[in-house]
Amino acid sequence: QSLVEEFRVLIRKNIMSGNGENGNRTVKYFASQLATHPNHLNAVVKRLTKKTAIAFIHEQLVLEAKLLLNQTGLSIKEIAFGLGFNEPSHFNHFFRKQVHTTPILYRKEKQLSFSNDSL
């Protein structure tokens, strides 16, 4: 379980540093940082979270993206670059694939629900 928590912390540090280029978002990269084999990391993550290690990485990235979309006034472009995407279109595609909506629509829906909640 501590390996999964260390993995989560490492992912968040990687995301927050903004240097999460695609090469730094692989299971192999994180496994090397954790001094373990990628297959071992994947097996432990899968056993404890019921997700593959790459799905876990993507989940953490989506959580951070949602947080930035909900709690900041940063543009989609700024968020994309801040999360380490080379192009805003890559972020848009990734987010849409994971969340089934675009970052812009996600932000608008959350702002609408927030303003309705405050009425």
N, C-alpha and C. Protein backbone atom coordinates (compact mmCIF):
# COMPACT_ATOMS: atom_id res chain seq x y z
N GLN A 1 0.82 -1.20 0.00
CA GLN A 1 0.00 0.00 0.00
C GLN A 1 0.87 1.26 0.00
N SER A 2 1.99 1.22 0.71
CA SER A 2 2.86 2.39 0.71
C SER A 2 3.44 2.66 -0.67
N LEU A 3 3.64 1.62 -1.47
CA LEU A 3 4.14 1.81 -2.83
C LEU A 3 3.12 2.61 -3.65
N VAL A 4 1.84 2.30 -3.49
CA VAL A 4 0.81 3.02 -4.22
C VAL A 4 0.76 4.48 -3.77
N GLU A 5 0.90 4.71 -2.48
CA GLU A 5 0.88 6.08 -1.97
C GLU A 5 2.11 6.85 -2.46
N GLU A 6 3.26 6.21 -2.45
CA GLU A 6 4.48 6.85 -2.99
C GLU A 6 4.30 7.16 -4.47
N PHE A 7 3.66 6.24 -5.19
CA PHE A 7 3.38 6.41 -6.61
C PHE A 7 2.48 7.62 -6.81
N ARG A 8 1.42 7.73 -6.00
CA ARG A 8 0.49 8.85 -6.10
C ARG A 8 1.22 10.19 -5.84
N VAL A 9 2.03 10.22 -4.80
CA VAL A 9 2.78 11.43 -4.45
C VAL A 9 3.72 11.82 -5.59
N LEU A 10 4.41 10.84 -6.13
CA LEU A 10 5.34 11.08 -7.23
C LEU A 10 4.61 11.62 -8.46
N ILE A 11 3.46 11.06 -8.77
CA ILE A 11 2.66 11.54 -9.90
C ILE A 11 2.29 13.00 -9.67
N ARG A 12 1.79 13.31 -8.47
CA ARG A 12 1.37 14.69 -8.17
C ARG A 12 2.55 15.66 -8.26
N LYS A 13 3.70 15.26 -7.75
CA LYS A 13 4.89 16.11 -7.85
C LYS A 13 5.25 16.34 -9.31
N ASN A 14 5.17 15.29 -10.10
CA ASN A 14 5.48 15.37 -11.52
C ASN A 14 4.51 16.31 -12.22
N ILE A 15 3.24 16.21 -11.89
CA ILE A 15 2.22 17.06 -12.50
C ILE A 15 2.43 18.51 -12.06
N MET A 16 2.61 18.72 -10.76
CA MET A 16 2.73 20.07 -10.23
C MET A 16 3.99 20.77 -10.73
N SER A 17 5.04 20.02 -11.02
CA SER A 17 6.28 20.64 -11.49
C SER A 17 6.13 21.13 -12.93
N GLY A 18 5.10 20.64 -13.62
CA GLY A 18 4.87 21.06 -14.99
C GLY A 18 5.82 20.43 -16.00
N ASN A 19 6.69 19.55 -15.53
CA ASN A 19 7.63 18.93 -16.47
C ASN A 19 7.18 17.53 -16.83
N GLY A 20 5.90 17.31 -16.85
CA GLY A 20 5.37 15.98 -17.13
C GLY A 20 5.28 15.67 -18.59
N GLU A 21 6.38 15.90 -19.31
CA GLU A 21 6.36 15.54 -20.72
C GLU A 21 5.99 14.06 -20.83
N ASN A 22 5.54 13.68 -21.99
CA ASN A 22 5.04 12.31 -22.16
C ASN A 22 6.04 11.26 -21.70
N GLY A 23 7.33 11.47 -21.90
CA GLY A 23 8.34 10.52 -21.46
C GLY A 23 8.39 10.38 -19.95
N ASN A 24 7.93 11.40 -19.25
CA ASN A 24 7.93 11.39 -17.79
C ASN A 24 6.57 10.97 -17.22
N ARG A 25 5.71 10.44 -18.05
CA ARG A 25 4.41 9.99 -17.59
C ARG A 25 4.17 8.53 -17.89
N THR A 26 5.24 7.79 -18.01
CA THR A 26 5.10 6.38 -18.30
C THR A 26 5.27 5.57 -17.02
N VAL A 27 4.74 4.37 -17.05
CA VAL A 27 4.90 3.46 -15.91
C VAL A 27 6.39 3.19 -15.72
N LYS A 28 7.11 3.03 -16.81
CA LYS A 28 8.55 2.77 -16.73
C LYS A 28 9.28 3.91 -16.01
N TYR A 29 8.94 5.14 -16.35
CA TYR A 29 9.57 6.30 -15.71
C TYR A 29 9.31 6.29 -14.19
N PHE A 30 8.03 6.15 -13.81
CA PHE A 30 7.70 6.18 -12.39
C PHE A 30 8.29 4.99 -11.65
N ALA A 31 8.31 3.82 -12.28
CA ALA A 31 8.90 2.64 -11.65
C ALA A 31 10.38 2.88 -11.38
N SER A 32 11.08 3.49 -12.33
CA SER A 32 12.51 3.77 -12.11
C SER A 32 12.69 4.75 -10.96
N GLN A 33 11.81 5.72 -10.84
CA GLN A 33 11.88 6.69 -9.74
C GLN A 33 11.62 6.03 -8.39
N LEU A 34 10.81 4.98 -8.41
CA LEU A 34 10.47 4.26 -7.18
C LEU A 34 11.37 3.05 -6.95
N ALA A 35 12.38 2.90 -7.79
CA ALA A 35 13.34 1.79 -7.69
C ALA A 35 12.65 0.43 -7.69
N THR A 36 11.74 0.26 -8.62
CA THR A 36 11.05 -1.02 -8.77
C THR A 36 10.88 -1.31 -10.26
N HIS A 37 10.43 -2.48 -10.58
CA HIS A 37 10.21 -2.87 -11.97
C HIS A 37 8.82 -2.43 -12.40
N PRO A 38 8.66 -1.98 -13.64
CA PRO A 38 7.33 -1.56 -14.11
C PRO A 38 6.25 -2.63 -13.93
N ASN A 39 6.60 -3.89 -14.16
CA ASN A 39 5.61 -4.97 -13.99
C ASN A 39 5.18 -5.11 -12.53
N HIS A 40 6.13 -4.95 -11.62
CA HIS A 40 5.81 -5.03 -10.19
C HIS A 40 4.92 -3.85 -9.78
N LEU A 41 5.27 -2.66 -10.22
CA LEU A 41 4.45 -1.48 -9.92
C LEU A 41 3.04 -1.67 -10.45
N ASN A 42 2.93 -2.12 -11.68
CA ASN A 42 1.60 -2.33 -12.27
C ASN A 42 0.81 -3.37 -11.49
N ALA A 43 1.45 -4.45 -11.09
CA ALA A 43 0.77 -5.53 -10.36
C ALA A 43 0.27 -5.04 -9.00
N VAL A 44 1.09 -4.28 -8.30
CA VAL A 44 0.69 -3.77 -6.98
C VAL A 44 -0.45 -2.76 -7.11
N VAL A 45 -0.31 -1.85 -8.06
CA VAL A 45 -1.36 -0.84 -8.27
C VAL A 45 -2.67 -1.53 -8.66
N LYS A 46 -2.59 -2.49 -9.55
CA LYS A 46 -3.78 -3.20 -10.01
C LYS A 46 -4.45 -3.96 -8.85
N ARG A 47 -3.65 -4.60 -8.03
CA ARG A 47 -4.19 -5.35 -6.91
C ARG A 47 -4.90 -4.45 -5.90
N LEU A 48 -4.33 -3.28 -5.65
CA LEU A 48 -4.88 -2.41 -4.61
C LEU A 48 -5.93 -1.42 -5.10
N THR A 49 -5.86 -1.03 -6.36
CA THR A 49 -6.79 -0.01 -6.87
C THR A 49 -7.75 -0.53 -7.93
N LYS A 50 -7.50 -1.75 -8.41
CA LYS A 50 -8.29 -2.33 -9.50
C LYS A 50 -8.11 -1.57 -10.82
N LYS A 51 -7.02 -0.80 -10.91
CA LYS A 51 -6.70 -0.04 -12.12
C LYS A 51 -5.28 -0.38 -12.53
N THR A 52 -5.00 -0.26 -13.82
CA THR A 52 -3.62 -0.41 -14.26
C THR A 52 -2.84 0.83 -13.81
N ALA A 53 -1.54 0.73 -13.82
CA ALA A 53 -0.71 1.86 -13.41
C ALA A 53 -0.90 3.05 -14.34
N ILE A 54 -1.02 2.81 -15.64
CA ILE A 54 -1.21 3.93 -16.57
C ILE A 54 -2.59 4.57 -16.36
N ALA A 55 -3.61 3.76 -16.08
CA ALA A 55 -4.94 4.32 -15.79
C ALA A 55 -4.88 5.16 -14.51
N PHE A 56 -4.10 4.71 -13.55
CA PHE A 56 -3.92 5.44 -12.30
C PHE A 56 -3.24 6.79 -12.56
N ILE A 57 -2.22 6.79 -13.41
CA ILE A 57 -1.54 8.04 -13.80
C ILE A 57 -2.54 8.99 -14.45
N HIS A 58 -3.31 8.46 -15.39
CA HIS A 58 -4.29 9.28 -16.09
C HIS A 58 -5.35 9.82 -15.13
N GLU A 59 -5.78 9.01 -14.19
CA GLU A 59 -6.77 9.44 -13.20
C GLU A 59 -6.23 10.61 -12.38
N GLN A 60 -4.99 10.53 -11.95
CA GLN A 60 -4.39 11.61 -11.16
C GLN A 60 -4.27 12.89 -12.00
N LEU A 61 -3.93 12.74 -13.26
CA LEU A 61 -3.82 13.88 -14.16
C LEU A 61 -5.18 14.54 -14.38
N VAL A 62 -6.21 13.73 -14.53
CA VAL A 62 -7.56 14.27 -14.70
C VAL A 62 -8.03 14.98 -13.43
N LEU A 63 -7.73 14.41 -12.27
CA LEU A 63 -8.10 15.07 -11.02
C LEU A 63 -7.46 16.44 -10.91
N GLU A 64 -6.20 16.53 -11.26
CA GLU A 64 -5.50 17.83 -11.21
C GLU A 64 -6.08 18.79 -12.23
N ALA A 65 -6.37 18.30 -13.42
CA ALA A 65 -6.97 19.15 -14.45
C ALA A 65 -8.32 19.68 -14.00
N LYS A 66 -9.15 18.83 -13.42
CA LYS A 66 -10.46 19.26 -12.94
C LYS A 66 -10.33 20.31 -11.85
N LEU A 67 -9.38 20.11 -10.97
CA LEU A 67 -9.14 21.06 -9.89
C LEU A 67 -8.77 22.43 -10.48
N LEU A 68 -7.87 22.44 -11.44
CA LEU A 68 -7.46 23.70 -12.07
C LEU A 68 -8.61 24.34 -12.84
N LEU A 69 -9.40 23.54 -13.50
CA LEU A 69 -10.55 24.08 -14.24
C LEU A 69 -11.60 24.67 -13.30
N ASN A 70 -11.80 24.02 -12.15
CA ASN A 70 -12.82 24.46 -11.20
C ASN A 70 -12.38 25.62 -10.33
N GLN A 71 -11.11 25.66 -9.98
CA GLN A 71 -10.68 26.57 -8.92
C GLN A 71 -9.76 27.69 -9.37
N THR A 72 -9.46 27.77 -10.65
CA THR A 72 -8.61 28.86 -11.12
C THR A 72 -9.25 29.53 -12.33
N GLY A 73 -8.74 30.67 -12.64
CA GLY A 73 -9.18 31.38 -13.84
C GLY A 73 -8.21 31.18 -14.98
N LEU A 74 -7.31 30.20 -14.84
CA LEU A 74 -6.34 29.94 -15.90
C LEU A 74 -7.05 29.53 -17.19
N SER A 75 -6.48 29.94 -18.29
CA SER A 75 -7.04 29.53 -19.58
C SER A 75 -6.75 28.04 -19.79
N ILE A 76 -7.47 27.45 -20.72
CA ILE A 76 -7.26 26.04 -21.06
C ILE A 76 -5.82 25.86 -21.54
N LYS A 77 -5.34 26.80 -22.30
CA LYS A 77 -3.96 26.75 -22.81
C LYS A 77 -2.97 26.77 -21.65
N GLU A 78 -3.17 27.64 -20.69
CA GLU A 78 -2.27 27.71 -19.53
C GLU A 78 -2.31 26.42 -18.72
N ILE A 79 -3.49 25.86 -18.56
CA ILE A 79 -3.63 24.59 -17.83
C ILE A 79 -2.91 23.48 -18.59
N ALA A 80 -3.11 23.43 -19.89
CA ALA A 80 -2.47 22.39 -20.72
C ALA A 80 -0.96 22.44 -20.56
N PHE A 81 -0.37 23.61 -20.72
CA PHE A 81 1.08 23.74 -20.60
C PHE A 81 1.53 23.49 -19.16
N GLY A 82 0.76 23.95 -18.19
CA GLY A 82 1.08 23.75 -16.79
C GLY A 82 1.09 22.28 -16.40
N LEU A 83 0.27 21.48 -17.07
CA LEU A 83 0.21 20.05 -16.80
C LEU A 83 1.22 19.26 -17.63
N GLY A 84 1.99 19.97 -18.44
CA GLY A 84 3.05 19.32 -19.19
C GLY A 84 2.68 18.84 -20.57
N PHE A 85 1.53 19.27 -21.08
CA PHE A 85 1.16 18.89 -22.44
C PHE A 85 1.90 19.82 -23.41
N ASN A 86 2.36 19.26 -24.52
CA ASN A 86 3.10 20.06 -25.50
C ASN A 86 2.20 21.00 -26.28
N GLU A 87 0.94 20.62 -26.43
CA GLU A 87 -0.03 21.42 -27.18
C GLU A 87 -1.37 21.39 -26.46
N PRO A 88 -2.08 22.50 -26.45
CA PRO A 88 -3.43 22.50 -25.84
C PRO A 88 -4.36 21.47 -26.48
N SER A 89 -4.17 21.21 -27.78
CA SER A 89 -5.01 20.22 -28.45
C SER A 89 -4.78 18.82 -27.89
N HIS A 90 -3.54 18.52 -27.47
CA HIS A 90 -3.26 17.22 -26.86
C HIS A 90 -3.98 17.10 -25.52
N PHE A 91 -3.97 18.19 -24.75
CA PHE A 91 -4.70 18.20 -23.47
C PHE A 91 -6.19 18.02 -23.72
N ASN A 92 -6.72 18.75 -24.69
CA ASN A 92 -8.14 18.68 -25.02
C ASN A 92 -8.53 17.25 -25.38
N HIS A 93 -7.73 16.62 -26.22
CA HIS A 93 -8.00 15.24 -26.64
C HIS A 93 -7.94 14.28 -25.46
N PHE A 94 -6.89 14.41 -24.63
CA PHE A 94 -6.74 13.56 -23.45
C PHE A 94 -7.93 13.73 -22.50
N PHE A 95 -8.28 14.98 -22.21
CA PHE A 95 -9.37 15.26 -21.26
C PHE A 95 -10.69 14.71 -21.79
N ARG A 96 -10.93 14.95 -23.07
CA ARG A 96 -12.19 14.47 -23.68
C ARG A 96 -12.29 12.94 -23.64
N LYS A 97 -11.17 12.28 -23.88
CA LYS A 97 -11.15 10.81 -23.87
C LYS A 97 -11.43 10.28 -22.46
N GLN A 98 -10.90 10.96 -21.44
CA GLN A 98 -11.05 10.51 -20.06
C GLN A 98 -12.40 10.89 -19.45
N VAL A 99 -12.86 12.11 -19.73
CA VAL A 99 -14.03 12.67 -19.03
C VAL A 99 -15.28 12.70 -19.93
N HIS A 100 -15.10 12.48 -21.20
CA HIS A 100 -16.20 12.46 -22.19
C HIS A 100 -16.83 13.83 -22.39
N THR A 101 -16.06 14.86 -22.16
CA THR A 101 -16.45 16.23 -22.49
C THR A 101 -15.18 17.04 -22.64
N THR A 102 -15.29 18.20 -23.24
CA THR A 102 -14.11 19.04 -23.41
C THR A 102 -13.83 19.82 -22.13
N PRO A 103 -12.62 20.29 -21.96
CA PRO A 103 -12.32 21.11 -20.77
C PRO A 103 -13.20 22.35 -20.68
N ILE A 104 -13.47 22.97 -21.80
CA ILE A 104 -14.30 24.19 -21.80
C ILE A 104 -15.71 23.87 -21.34
N LEU A 105 -16.30 22.81 -21.89
CA LEU A 105 -17.66 22.43 -21.49
C LEU A 105 -17.70 21.98 -20.03
N TYR A 106 -16.68 21.27 -19.60
CA TYR A 106 -16.61 20.84 -18.20
C TYR A 106 -16.62 22.06 -17.28
N ARG A 107 -15.79 23.04 -17.60
CA ARG A 107 -15.72 24.25 -16.78
C ARG A 107 -17.07 24.98 -16.78
N LYS A 108 -17.68 25.11 -17.93
CA LYS A 108 -18.98 25.80 -18.01
C LYS A 108 -20.05 25.07 -17.20
N GLU A 109 -20.09 23.75 -17.31
CA GLU A 109 -21.08 22.96 -16.55
C GLU A 109 -20.87 23.14 -15.05
N LYS A 110 -19.61 23.12 -14.61
CA LYS A 110 -19.31 23.27 -13.18
C LYS A 110 -19.66 24.68 -12.70
N GLN A 111 -19.41 25.68 -13.53
CA GLN A 111 -19.74 27.05 -13.14
C GLN A 111 -21.25 27.23 -13.06
N LEU A 112 -21.97 26.60 -13.97
CA LEU A 112 -23.43 26.67 -13.94
C LEU A 112 -23.99 25.99 -12.70
N SER A 113 -23.48 24.81 -12.40
CA SER A 113 -23.99 24.10 -11.23
C SER A 113 -23.61 24.83 -9.95
N PHE A 114 -22.45 25.49 -9.93
CA PHE A 114 -22.04 26.24 -8.76
C PHE A 114 -22.95 27.45 -8.58
N SER A 115 -23.25 28.16 -9.67
CA SER A 115 -24.11 29.35 -9.55
C SER A 115 -25.53 28.96 -9.19
N ASN A 116 -26.00 27.81 -9.65
CA ASN A 116 -27.33 27.33 -9.27
C ASN A 116 -27.37 26.91 -7.81
N ASP A 117 -26.28 26.35 -7.30
CA ASP A 117 -26.22 25.94 -5.90
C ASP A 117 -26.25 27.14 -4.97
N SER A 118 -25.73 28.26 -5.42
CA SER A 118 -25.65 29.44 -4.55
C SER A 118 -26.92 30.27 -4.57
N LEU A 119 -27.90 29.86 -5.37
CA LEU A 119 -29.17 30.62 -5.42
C LEU A 119 -30.06 30.32 -4.26
